PDB file of all heavy atoms in Angstrom:
ATOM      1  N   CYS A   1       4.327  -5.484 -15.613  1.00  0.00           N
ATOM      2  CA  CYS A   1       5.788  -5.412 -15.536  1.00  0.00           C
ATOM      3  C   CYS A   1       6.439  -6.750 -15.908  1.00  0.00           C
ATOM      4  O   CYS A   1       7.520  -6.783 -16.504  1.00  0.00           O
ATOM      5  CB  CYS A   1       6.228  -4.997 -14.137  1.00  0.00           C
ATOM      6  SG  CYS A   1       5.870  -3.272 -13.720  1.00  0.00           S
ATOM      7  N   LEU A   2       5.779  -7.849 -15.555  1.00  0.00           N
ATOM      8  CA  LEU A   2       6.318  -9.176 -15.853  1.00  0.00           C
ATOM      9  C   LEU A   2       5.945  -9.662 -17.254  1.00  0.00           C
ATOM     10  O   LEU A   2       6.558 -10.588 -17.780  1.00  0.00           O
ATOM     11  CB  LEU A   2       5.804 -10.191 -14.827  1.00  0.00           C
ATOM     12  CG  LEU A   2       6.312 -10.042 -13.388  1.00  0.00           C
ATOM     13  CD1 LEU A   2       5.562 -10.990 -12.465  1.00  0.00           C
ATOM     14  CD2 LEU A   2       7.811 -10.305 -13.309  1.00  0.00           C
ATOM     15  N   GLY A   3       4.911  -9.054 -17.823  1.00  0.00           N
ATOM     16  CA  GLY A   3       4.420  -9.525 -19.110  1.00  0.00           C
ATOM     17  C   GLY A   3       3.765 -10.887 -19.008  1.00  0.00           C
ATOM     18  O   GLY A   3       3.759 -11.669 -19.965  1.00  0.00           O
ATOM     19  N   MET A   4       3.200 -11.185 -17.855  1.00  0.00           N
ATOM     20  CA  MET A   4       2.559 -12.479 -17.604  1.00  0.00           C
ATOM     21  C   MET A   4       1.317 -12.265 -16.756  1.00  0.00           C
ATOM     22  O   MET A   4       1.276 -11.350 -15.929  1.00  0.00           O
ATOM     23  CB  MET A   4       3.517 -13.433 -16.860  1.00  0.00           C
ATOM     24  CG  MET A   4       4.803 -13.739 -17.597  1.00  0.00           C
ATOM     25  SD  MET A   4       5.955 -14.709 -16.570  1.00  0.00           S
ATOM     26  CE  MET A   4       5.065 -16.280 -16.456  1.00  0.00           C
ATOM     27  N   LYS A   5       0.330 -13.114 -16.947  1.00  0.00           N
ATOM     28  CA  LYS A   5      -0.880 -13.063 -16.137  1.00  0.00           C
ATOM     29  C   LYS A   5      -0.781 -14.050 -14.969  1.00  0.00           C
ATOM     30  O   LYS A   5      -0.180 -15.118 -15.100  1.00  0.00           O
ATOM     31  CB  LYS A   5      -2.113 -13.415 -16.990  1.00  0.00           C
ATOM     32  CG  LYS A   5      -2.505 -12.311 -17.960  1.00  0.00           C
ATOM     33  CD  LYS A   5      -3.006 -11.080 -17.213  1.00  0.00           C
ATOM     34  CE  LYS A   5      -3.455  -9.988 -18.171  1.00  0.00           C
ATOM     35  NZ  LYS A   5      -3.876  -8.765 -17.432  1.00  0.00           N
ATOM     36  N   ALA A   6      -1.373 -13.666 -13.853  1.00  0.00           N
ATOM     37  CA  ALA A   6      -1.348 -14.519 -12.667  1.00  0.00           C
ATOM     38  C   ALA A   6      -2.600 -15.380 -12.596  1.00  0.00           C
ATOM     39  O   ALA A   6      -3.704 -14.914 -12.882  1.00  0.00           O
ATOM     40  CB  ALA A   6      -1.250 -13.663 -11.418  1.00  0.00           C
ATOM     41  N   GLU A   7      -2.402 -16.635 -12.197  1.00  0.00           N
ATOM     42  CA  GLU A   7      -3.534 -17.473 -11.808  1.00  0.00           C
ATOM     43  C   GLU A   7      -3.793 -17.203 -10.333  1.00  0.00           C
ATOM     44  O   GLU A   7      -2.874 -17.281  -9.513  1.00  0.00           O
ATOM     45  CB  GLU A   7      -3.196 -18.949 -12.024  1.00  0.00           C
ATOM     46  CG  GLU A   7      -4.323 -19.893 -11.639  1.00  0.00           C
ATOM     47  CD  GLU A   7      -3.912 -21.351 -11.708  1.00  0.00           C
ATOM     48  OE1 GLU A   7      -2.881 -21.654 -12.339  1.00  0.00           O
ATOM     49  OE2 GLU A   7      -4.623 -22.184 -11.096  1.00  0.00           O
ATOM     50  N   LYS A   8      -5.032 -16.873  -9.984  1.00  0.00           N
ATOM     51  CA  LYS A   8      -5.315 -16.378  -8.636  1.00  0.00           C
ATOM     52  C   LYS A   8      -6.166 -17.359  -7.828  1.00  0.00           C
ATOM     53  O   LYS A   8      -7.213 -17.811  -8.297  1.00  0.00           O
ATOM     54  CB  LYS A   8      -6.031 -15.025  -8.720  1.00  0.00           C
ATOM     55  CG  LYS A   8      -5.278 -13.973  -9.520  1.00  0.00           C
ATOM     56  CD  LYS A   8      -6.100 -12.705  -9.694  1.00  0.00           C
ATOM     57  CE  LYS A   8      -5.410 -11.705 -10.605  1.00  0.00           C
ATOM     58  NZ  LYS A   8      -5.412 -12.146 -12.029  1.00  0.00           N
ATOM     59  N   ASN A   9      -5.708 -17.652  -6.622  1.00  0.00           N
ATOM     60  CA  ASN A   9      -6.519 -18.361  -5.629  1.00  0.00           C
ATOM     61  C   ASN A   9      -7.196 -17.307  -4.766  1.00  0.00           C
ATOM     62  O   ASN A   9      -6.539 -16.659  -3.945  1.00  0.00           O
ATOM     63  CB  ASN A   9      -5.646 -19.238  -4.722  1.00  0.00           C
ATOM     64  CG  ASN A   9      -5.151 -20.487  -5.403  1.00  0.00           C
ATOM     65  OD1 ASN A   9      -5.772 -20.981  -6.336  1.00  0.00           O
ATOM     66  ND2 ASN A   9      -4.020 -21.002  -4.947  1.00  0.00           N
ATOM     67  N   MET A  10      -8.486 -17.107  -4.936  1.00  0.00           N
ATOM     68  CA  MET A  10      -9.202 -16.093  -4.166  1.00  0.00           C
ATOM     69  C   MET A  10      -9.605 -16.690  -2.816  1.00  0.00           C
ATOM     70  O   MET A  10     -10.357 -17.666  -2.760  1.00  0.00           O
ATOM     71  CB  MET A  10     -10.424 -15.600  -4.935  1.00  0.00           C
ATOM     72  CG  MET A  10     -10.100 -15.125  -6.356  1.00  0.00           C
ATOM     73  SD  MET A  10      -8.851 -13.817  -6.423  1.00  0.00           S
ATOM     74  CE  MET A  10      -9.855 -12.395  -6.017  1.00  0.00           C
ATOM     75  N   LEU A  11      -9.097 -16.087  -1.733  1.00  0.00           N
ATOM     76  CA  LEU A  11      -9.253 -16.655  -0.399  1.00  0.00           C
ATOM     77  C   LEU A  11      -9.845 -15.628   0.567  1.00  0.00           C
ATOM     78  O   LEU A  11      -9.764 -14.425   0.323  1.00  0.00           O
ATOM     79  CB  LEU A  11      -7.887 -17.124   0.125  1.00  0.00           C
ATOM     80  CG  LEU A  11      -7.187 -18.206  -0.705  1.00  0.00           C
ATOM     81  CD1 LEU A  11      -5.753 -18.387  -0.252  1.00  0.00           C
ATOM     82  CD2 LEU A  11      -7.951 -19.522  -0.606  1.00  0.00           C
ATOM     83  N   PRO A  12     -10.428 -16.089   1.680  1.00  0.00           N
ATOM     84  CA  PRO A  12     -11.001 -15.141   2.659  1.00  0.00           C
ATOM     85  C   PRO A  12      -9.922 -14.379   3.415  1.00  0.00           C
ATOM     86  O   PRO A  12      -8.733 -14.708   3.345  1.00  0.00           O
ATOM     87  CB  PRO A  12     -11.802 -16.050   3.591  1.00  0.00           C
ATOM     88  CG  PRO A  12     -11.145 -17.382   3.478  1.00  0.00           C
ATOM     89  CD  PRO A  12     -10.663 -17.488   2.065  1.00  0.00           C
ATOM     90  N   LEU A  13     -10.368 -13.367   4.154  1.00  0.00           N
ATOM     91  CA  LEU A  13      -9.469 -12.576   4.993  1.00  0.00           C
ATOM     92  C   LEU A  13      -8.778 -13.478   6.006  1.00  0.00           C
ATOM     93  O   LEU A  13      -9.418 -14.294   6.660  1.00  0.00           O
ATOM     94  CB  LEU A  13     -10.265 -11.483   5.715  1.00  0.00           C
ATOM     95  CG  LEU A  13      -9.485 -10.470   6.558  1.00  0.00           C
ATOM     96  CD1 LEU A  13      -8.677  -9.543   5.665  1.00  0.00           C
ATOM     97  CD2 LEU A  13     -10.440  -9.651   7.424  1.00  0.00           C
ATOM     98  N   GLN A  14      -7.464 -13.333   6.123  1.00  0.00           N
ATOM     99  CA  GLN A  14      -6.689 -14.127   7.071  1.00  0.00           C
ATOM    100  C   GLN A  14      -6.842 -13.594   8.495  1.00  0.00           C
ATOM    101  O   GLN A  14      -6.954 -12.368   8.693  1.00  0.00           O
ATOM    102  CB  GLN A  14      -5.200 -14.058   6.688  1.00  0.00           C
ATOM    103  CG  GLN A  14      -4.846 -14.881   5.474  1.00  0.00           C
ATOM    104  CD  GLN A  14      -4.454 -16.281   5.861  1.00  0.00           C
ATOM    105  OE1 GLN A  14      -3.361 -16.532   6.328  1.00  0.00           O
ATOM    106  NE2 GLN A  14      -5.356 -17.217   5.653  1.00  0.00           N
ATOM    107  N   PRO A  15      -6.830 -14.459   9.491  1.00  0.00           N
ATOM    108  CA  PRO A  15      -6.825 -13.982  10.882  1.00  0.00           C
ATOM    109  C   PRO A  15      -5.634 -13.056  11.128  1.00  0.00           C
ATOM    110  O   PRO A  15      -4.514 -13.341  10.698  1.00  0.00           O
ATOM    111  CB  PRO A  15      -6.682 -15.278  11.696  1.00  0.00           C
ATOM    112  CG  PRO A  15      -7.206 -16.353  10.802  1.00  0.00           C
ATOM    113  CD  PRO A  15      -6.843 -15.934   9.409  1.00  0.00           C
ATOM    114  N   GLY A  16      -5.892 -11.943  11.788  1.00  0.00           N
ATOM    115  CA  GLY A  16      -4.824 -10.987  12.087  1.00  0.00           C
ATOM    116  C   GLY A  16      -4.654  -9.910  11.046  1.00  0.00           C
ATOM    117  O   GLY A  16      -3.995  -8.896  11.294  1.00  0.00           O
ATOM    118  N   ASP A  17      -5.231 -10.102   9.852  1.00  0.00           N
ATOM    119  CA  ASP A  17      -5.131  -9.104   8.790  1.00  0.00           C
ATOM    120  C   ASP A  17      -6.228  -8.049   8.933  1.00  0.00           C
ATOM    121  O   ASP A  17      -7.268  -8.303   9.541  1.00  0.00           O
ATOM    122  CB  ASP A  17      -5.269  -9.762   7.411  1.00  0.00           C
ATOM    123  CG  ASP A  17      -3.930 -10.169   6.834  1.00  0.00           C
ATOM    124  OD1 ASP A  17      -2.905  -9.878   7.469  1.00  0.00           O
ATOM    125  OD2 ASP A  17      -3.919 -10.786   5.756  1.00  0.00           O
ATOM    126  N   VAL A  18      -6.002  -6.896   8.337  1.00  0.00           N
ATOM    127  CA  VAL A  18      -7.028  -5.849   8.271  1.00  0.00           C
ATOM    128  C   VAL A  18      -7.333  -5.579   6.803  1.00  0.00           C
ATOM    129  O   VAL A  18      -6.476  -5.754   5.943  1.00  0.00           O
ATOM    130  CB  VAL A  18      -6.573  -4.556   8.987  1.00  0.00           C
ATOM    131  CG1 VAL A  18      -6.357  -4.825  10.469  1.00  0.00           C
ATOM    132  CG2 VAL A  18      -5.312  -3.980   8.358  1.00  0.00           C
ATOM    133  N   PRO A  19      -8.551  -5.157   6.489  1.00  0.00           N
ATOM    134  CA  PRO A  19      -8.920  -4.972   5.083  1.00  0.00           C
ATOM    135  C   PRO A  19      -8.218  -3.806   4.399  1.00  0.00           C
ATOM    136  O   PRO A  19      -7.982  -3.848   3.194  1.00  0.00           O
ATOM    137  CB  PRO A  19     -10.440  -4.716   5.149  1.00  0.00           C
ATOM    138  CG  PRO A  19     -10.865  -5.181   6.493  1.00  0.00           C
ATOM    139  CD  PRO A  19      -9.696  -4.987   7.395  1.00  0.00           C
ATOM    140  N   ALA A  20      -7.901  -2.753   5.162  1.00  0.00           N
ATOM    141  CA  ALA A  20      -7.365  -1.559   4.516  1.00  0.00           C
ATOM    142  C   ALA A  20      -6.420  -0.808   5.444  1.00  0.00           C
ATOM    143  O   ALA A  20      -6.565  -0.850   6.674  1.00  0.00           O
ATOM    144  CB  ALA A  20      -8.506  -0.626   4.099  1.00  0.00           C
ATOM    145  N   THR A  21      -5.435  -0.120   4.845  1.00  0.00           N
ATOM    146  CA  THR A  21      -4.579   0.812   5.572  1.00  0.00           C
ATOM    147  C   THR A  21      -4.447   2.097   4.762  1.00  0.00           C
ATOM    148  O   THR A  21      -4.472   2.063   3.532  1.00  0.00           O
ATOM    149  CB  THR A  21      -3.168   0.244   5.843  1.00  0.00           C
ATOM    150  OG1 THR A  21      -2.506  -0.014   4.600  1.00  0.00           O
ATOM    151  CG2 THR A  21      -3.237  -1.046   6.654  1.00  0.00           C
ATOM    152  N   TYR A  22      -4.305   3.217   5.471  1.00  0.00           N
ATOM    153  CA  TYR A  22      -4.259   4.525   4.808  1.00  0.00           C
ATOM    154  C   TYR A  22      -3.624   5.487   5.807  1.00  0.00           C
ATOM    155  O   TYR A  22      -4.196   5.748   6.872  1.00  0.00           O
ATOM    156  CB  TYR A  22      -5.690   4.937   4.433  1.00  0.00           C
ATOM    157  CG  TYR A  22      -5.888   6.265   3.736  1.00  0.00           C
ATOM    158  CD1 TYR A  22      -4.825   7.080   3.349  1.00  0.00           C
ATOM    159  CD2 TYR A  22      -7.185   6.709   3.464  1.00  0.00           C
ATOM    160  CE1 TYR A  22      -5.042   8.288   2.712  1.00  0.00           C
ATOM    161  CE2 TYR A  22      -7.411   7.916   2.826  1.00  0.00           C
ATOM    162  CZ  TYR A  22      -6.340   8.703   2.451  1.00  0.00           C
ATOM    163  OH  TYR A  22      -6.563   9.909   1.827  1.00  0.00           O
ATOM    164  N   ALA A  23      -2.464   6.003   5.473  1.00  0.00           N
ATOM    165  CA  ALA A  23      -1.686   6.819   6.407  1.00  0.00           C
ATOM    166  C   ALA A  23      -2.002   8.300   6.283  1.00  0.00           C
ATOM    167  O   ALA A  23      -1.918   8.877   5.201  1.00  0.00           O
ATOM    168  CB  ALA A  23      -0.195   6.607   6.161  1.00  0.00           C
ATOM    169  N   ASP A  24      -2.332   8.904   7.414  1.00  0.00           N
ATOM    170  CA  ASP A  24      -2.359  10.368   7.528  1.00  0.00           C
ATOM    171  C   ASP A  24      -0.936  10.800   7.886  1.00  0.00           C
ATOM    172  O   ASP A  24      -0.430  10.438   8.954  1.00  0.00           O
ATOM    173  CB  ASP A  24      -3.340  10.778   8.625  1.00  0.00           C
ATOM    174  CG  ASP A  24      -3.447  12.293   8.807  1.00  0.00           C
ATOM    175  OD1 ASP A  24      -2.509  13.016   8.427  1.00  0.00           O
ATOM    176  OD2 ASP A  24      -4.464  12.752   9.362  1.00  0.00           O
ATOM    177  N   VAL A  25      -0.287  11.542   6.994  1.00  0.00           N
ATOM    178  CA  VAL A  25       1.111  11.937   7.221  1.00  0.00           C
ATOM    179  C   VAL A  25       1.236  13.427   7.518  1.00  0.00           C
ATOM    180  O   VAL A  25       2.298  14.017   7.357  1.00  0.00           O
ATOM    181  CB  VAL A  25       1.998  11.546   6.019  1.00  0.00           C
ATOM    182  CG1 VAL A  25       2.106  10.030   5.902  1.00  0.00           C
ATOM    183  CG2 VAL A  25       1.477  12.148   4.717  1.00  0.00           C
ATOM    184  N   THR A  26       0.153  14.037   7.984  1.00  0.00           N
ATOM    185  CA  THR A  26       0.156  15.469   8.271  1.00  0.00           C
ATOM    186  C   THR A  26       1.280  15.863   9.213  1.00  0.00           C
ATOM    187  O   THR A  26       1.987  16.860   8.977  1.00  0.00           O
ATOM    188  CB  THR A  26      -1.197  15.883   8.885  1.00  0.00           C
ATOM    189  OG1 THR A  26      -2.256  15.511   8.009  1.00  0.00           O
ATOM    190  CG2 THR A  26      -1.242  17.379   9.127  1.00  0.00           C
ATOM    191  N   ASP A  27       1.481  15.112  10.281  1.00  0.00           N
ATOM    192  CA  ASP A  27       2.504  15.460  11.268  1.00  0.00           C
ATOM    193  C   ASP A  27       3.907  15.329  10.688  1.00  0.00           C
ATOM    194  O   ASP A  27       4.796  16.142  10.980  1.00  0.00           O
ATOM    195  CB  ASP A  27       2.375  14.572  12.510  1.00  0.00           C
ATOM    196  CG  ASP A  27       1.163  14.929  13.358  1.00  0.00           C
ATOM    197  OD1 ASP A  27       0.163  15.388  12.785  1.00  0.00           O
ATOM    198  OD2 ASP A  27       1.212  14.742  14.578  1.00  0.00           O
ATOM    199  N   LEU A  28       4.120  14.299   9.878  1.00  0.00           N
ATOM    200  CA  LEU A  28       5.429  14.108   9.241  1.00  0.00           C
ATOM    201  C   LEU A  28       5.756  15.281   8.325  1.00  0.00           C
ATOM    202  O   LEU A  28       6.874  15.817   8.351  1.00  0.00           O
ATOM    203  CB  LEU A  28       5.425  12.802   8.435  1.00  0.00           C
ATOM    204  CG  LEU A  28       6.763  12.369   7.827  1.00  0.00           C
ATOM    205  CD1 LEU A  28       7.722  11.899   8.919  1.00  0.00           C
ATOM    206  CD2 LEU A  28       6.548  11.261   6.791  1.00  0.00           C
ATOM    207  N   VAL A  29       4.788  15.691   7.535  1.00  0.00           N
ATOM    208  CA  VAL A  29       4.986  16.831   6.629  1.00  0.00           C
ATOM    209  C   VAL A  29       5.262  18.105   7.426  1.00  0.00           C
ATOM    210  O   VAL A  29       6.174  18.881   7.112  1.00  0.00           O
ATOM    211  CB  VAL A  29       3.758  17.015   5.714  1.00  0.00           C
ATOM    212  CG1 VAL A  29       3.879  18.302   4.895  1.00  0.00           C
ATOM    213  CG2 VAL A  29       3.588  15.808   4.786  1.00  0.00           C
ATOM    214  N   ARG A  30       4.491  18.306   8.483  1.00  0.00           N
ATOM    215  CA  ARG A  30       4.646  19.521   9.296  1.00  0.00           C
ATOM    216  C   ARG A  30       6.011  19.589   9.972  1.00  0.00           C
ATOM    217  O   ARG A  30       6.667  20.638   9.980  1.00  0.00           O
ATOM    218  CB  ARG A  30       3.549  19.547  10.361  1.00  0.00           C
ATOM    219  CG  ARG A  30       3.583  20.771  11.288  1.00  0.00           C
ATOM    220  CD  ARG A  30       2.746  20.531  12.531  1.00  0.00           C
ATOM    221  NE  ARG A  30       3.307  19.475  13.367  1.00  0.00           N
ATOM    222  CZ  ARG A  30       2.580  18.638  14.097  1.00  0.00           C
ATOM    223  NH1 ARG A  30       1.263  18.715  14.100  1.00  0.00           N
ATOM    224  NH2 ARG A  30       3.184  17.710  14.835  1.00  0.00           N
ATOM    225  N   ASP A  31       6.464  18.469  10.533  1.00  0.00           N
ATOM    226  CA  ASP A  31       7.666  18.506  11.368  1.00  0.00           C
ATOM    227  C   ASP A  31       8.964  18.309  10.610  1.00  0.00           C
ATOM    228  O   ASP A  31       9.992  18.866  11.009  1.00  0.00           O
ATOM    229  CB  ASP A  31       7.559  17.455  12.480  1.00  0.00           C
ATOM    230  CG  ASP A  31       6.514  17.817  13.524  1.00  0.00           C
ATOM    231  OD1 ASP A  31       6.015  18.956  13.489  1.00  0.00           O
ATOM    232  OD2 ASP A  31       6.188  16.952  14.366  1.00  0.00           O
ATOM    233  N   VAL A  32       8.962  17.512   9.553  1.00  0.00           N
ATOM    234  CA  VAL A  32      10.226  17.276   8.834  1.00  0.00           C
ATOM    235  C   VAL A  32      10.138  17.623   7.354  1.00  0.00           C
ATOM    236  O   VAL A  32      11.090  17.423   6.608  1.00  0.00           O
ATOM    237  CB  VAL A  32      10.722  15.812   9.008  1.00  0.00           C
ATOM    238  CG1 VAL A  32      10.925  15.498  10.477  1.00  0.00           C
ATOM    239  CG2 VAL A  32       9.779  14.809   8.363  1.00  0.00           C
ATOM    240  N   GLY A  33       8.978  18.139   6.923  1.00  0.00           N
ATOM    241  CA  GLY A  33       8.859  18.612   5.541  1.00  0.00           C
ATOM    242  C   GLY A  33       8.966  17.533   4.503  1.00  0.00           C
ATOM    243  O   GLY A  33       9.524  17.742   3.421  1.00  0.00           O
ATOM    244  N   TYR A  34       8.425  16.359   4.803  1.00  0.00           N
ATOM    245  CA  TYR A  34       8.577  15.260   3.851  1.00  0.00           C
ATOM    246  C   TYR A  34       7.312  14.447   3.731  1.00  0.00           C
ATOM    247  O   TYR A  34       6.634  14.173   4.723  1.00  0.00           O
ATOM    248  CB  TYR A  34       9.718  14.323   4.278  1.00  0.00           C
ATOM    249  CG  TYR A  34       9.915  13.195   3.298  1.00  0.00           C
ATOM    250  CD1 TYR A  34      10.360  13.462   2.006  1.00  0.00           C
ATOM    251  CD2 TYR A  34       9.611  11.886   3.639  1.00  0.00           C
ATOM    252  CE1 TYR A  34      10.499  12.442   1.092  1.00  0.00           C
ATOM    253  CE2 TYR A  34       9.749  10.857   2.730  1.00  0.00           C
ATOM    254  CZ  TYR A  34      10.194  11.146   1.450  1.00  0.00           C
ATOM    255  OH  TYR A  34      10.323  10.134   0.536  1.00  0.00           O
ATOM    256  N   LYS A  35       7.023  14.011   2.497  1.00  0.00           N
ATOM    257  CA  LYS A  35       5.884  13.144   2.221  1.00  0.00           C
ATOM    258  C   LYS A  35       6.286  12.130   1.153  1.00  0.00           C
ATOM    259  O   LYS A  35       6.736  12.510   0.070  1.00  0.00           O
ATOM    260  CB  LYS A  35       4.694  13.970   1.710  1.00  0.00           C
ATOM    261  CG  LYS A  35       3.453  13.157   1.370  1.00  0.00           C
ATOM    262  CD  LYS A  35       2.331  14.070   0.865  1.00  0.00           C
ATOM    263  CE  LYS A  35       1.074  13.275   0.524  1.00  0.00           C
ATOM    264  NZ  LYS A  35       1.285  12.338  -0.596  1.00  0.00           N
ATOM    265  N   PRO A  36       6.172  10.820   1.438  1.00  0.00           N
ATOM    266  CA  PRO A  36       6.472   9.804   0.424  1.00  0.00           C
ATOM    267  C   PRO A  36       5.628  10.026  -0.837  1.00  0.00           C
ATOM    268  O   PRO A  36       4.475  10.463  -0.750  1.00  0.00           O
ATOM    269  CB  PRO A  36       6.088   8.496   1.114  1.00  0.00           C
ATOM    270  CG  PRO A  36       6.248   8.792   2.580  1.00  0.00           C
ATOM    271  CD  PRO A  36       5.811  10.219   2.731  1.00  0.00           C
ATOM    272  N   ASP A  37       6.209   9.695  -2.011  1.00  0.00           N
ATOM    273  CA  ASP A  37       5.461   9.994  -3.241  1.00  0.00           C
ATOM    274  C   ASP A  37       5.708   9.024  -4.389  1.00  0.00           C
ATOM    275  O   ASP A  37       5.233   9.251  -5.504  1.00  0.00           O
ATOM    276  CB  ASP A  37       5.764  11.420  -3.708  1.00  0.00           C
ATOM    277  CG  ASP A  37       7.224  11.629  -4.082  1.00  0.00           C
ATOM    278  OD1 ASP A  37       8.019  10.672  -3.986  1.00  0.00           O
ATOM    279  OD2 ASP A  37       7.572  12.762  -4.469  1.00  0.00           O
ATOM    280  N   MET A  38       6.442   7.932  -4.171  1.00  0.00           N
ATOM    281  CA  MET A  38       6.702   6.997  -5.266  1.00  0.00           C
ATOM    282  C   MET A  38       5.415   6.279  -5.684  1.00  0.00           C
ATOM    283  O   MET A  38       4.699   5.724  -4.857  1.00  0.00           O
ATOM    284  CB  MET A  38       7.745   5.970  -4.834  1.00  0.00           C
ATOM    285  CG  MET A  38       8.011   4.866  -5.851  1.00  0.00           C
ATOM    286  SD  MET A  38       8.827   5.443  -7.358  1.00  0.00           S
ATOM    287  CE  MET A  38      10.517   5.578  -6.759  1.00  0.00           C
ATOM    288  N   SER A  39       5.125   6.286  -6.983  1.00  0.00           N
ATOM    289  CA  SER A  39       3.951   5.576  -7.499  1.00  0.00           C
ATOM    290  C   SER A  39       4.193   4.074  -7.476  1.00  0.00           C
ATOM    291  O   SER A  39       5.340   3.617  -7.596  1.00  0.00           O
ATOM    292  CB  SER A  39       3.648   6.020  -8.932  1.00  0.00           C
ATOM    293  OG  SER A  39       4.647   5.529  -9.823  1.00  0.00           O
ATOM    294  N   VAL A  40       3.123   3.291  -7.325  1.00  0.00           N
ATOM    295  CA  VAL A  40       3.303   1.839  -7.337  1.00  0.00           C
ATOM    296  C   VAL A  40       3.743   1.363  -8.721  1.00  0.00           C
ATOM    297  O   VAL A  40       4.452   0.357  -8.828  1.00  0.00           O
ATOM    298  CB  VAL A  40       2.023   1.076  -6.894  1.00  0.00           C
ATOM    299  CG1 VAL A  40       1.726   1.340  -5.434  1.00  0.00           C
ATOM    300  CG2 VAL A  40       0.841   1.376  -7.773  1.00  0.00           C
ATOM    301  N   GLU A  41       3.364   2.085  -9.753  1.00  0.00           N
ATOM    302  CA  GLU A  41       3.783   1.692 -11.106  1.00  0.00           C
ATOM    303  C   GLU A  41       5.308   1.708 -11.225  1.00  0.00           C
ATOM    304  O   GLU A  41       5.925   0.750 -11.715  1.00  0.00           O
ATOM    305  CB  GLU A  41       3.152   2.620 -12.152  1.00  0.00           C
ATOM    306  CG  GLU A  41       1.659   2.413 -12.371  1.00  0.00           C
ATOM    307  CD  GLU A  41       0.787   3.008 -11.270  1.00  0.00           C
ATOM    308  OE1 GLU A  41       1.313   3.793 -10.447  1.00  0.00           O
ATOM    309  OE2 GLU A  41      -0.425   2.707 -11.231  1.00  0.00           O
ATOM    310  N   GLN A  42       5.926   2.784 -10.769  1.00  0.00           N
ATOM    311  CA  GLN A  42       7.384   2.880 -10.838  1.00  0.00           C
ATOM    312  C   GLN A  42       8.047   1.988  -9.804  1.00  0.00           C
ATOM    313  O   GLN A  42       9.059   1.334 -10.079  1.00  0.00           O
ATOM    314  CB  GLN A  42       7.829   4.333 -10.624  1.00  0.00           C
ATOM    315  CG  GLN A  42       9.330   4.547 -10.825  1.00  0.00           C
ATOM    316  CD  GLN A  42       9.789   4.185 -12.231  1.00  0.00           C
ATOM    317  OE1 GLN A  42       9.271   4.728 -13.210  1.00  0.00           O
ATOM    318  NE2 GLN A  42      10.733   3.256 -12.341  1.00  0.00           N
TER     319      GLN A  42
END
């Protein structure tokens, strides 16, 4: 999107951070009929 490459400092996991997140939205869909859907590209 920027048309530029990043120089990257590769660093270890920070204290307090978690490696991954992944939302189960079954209850949200069931109760209010909605599920987020925007792609990261857009």
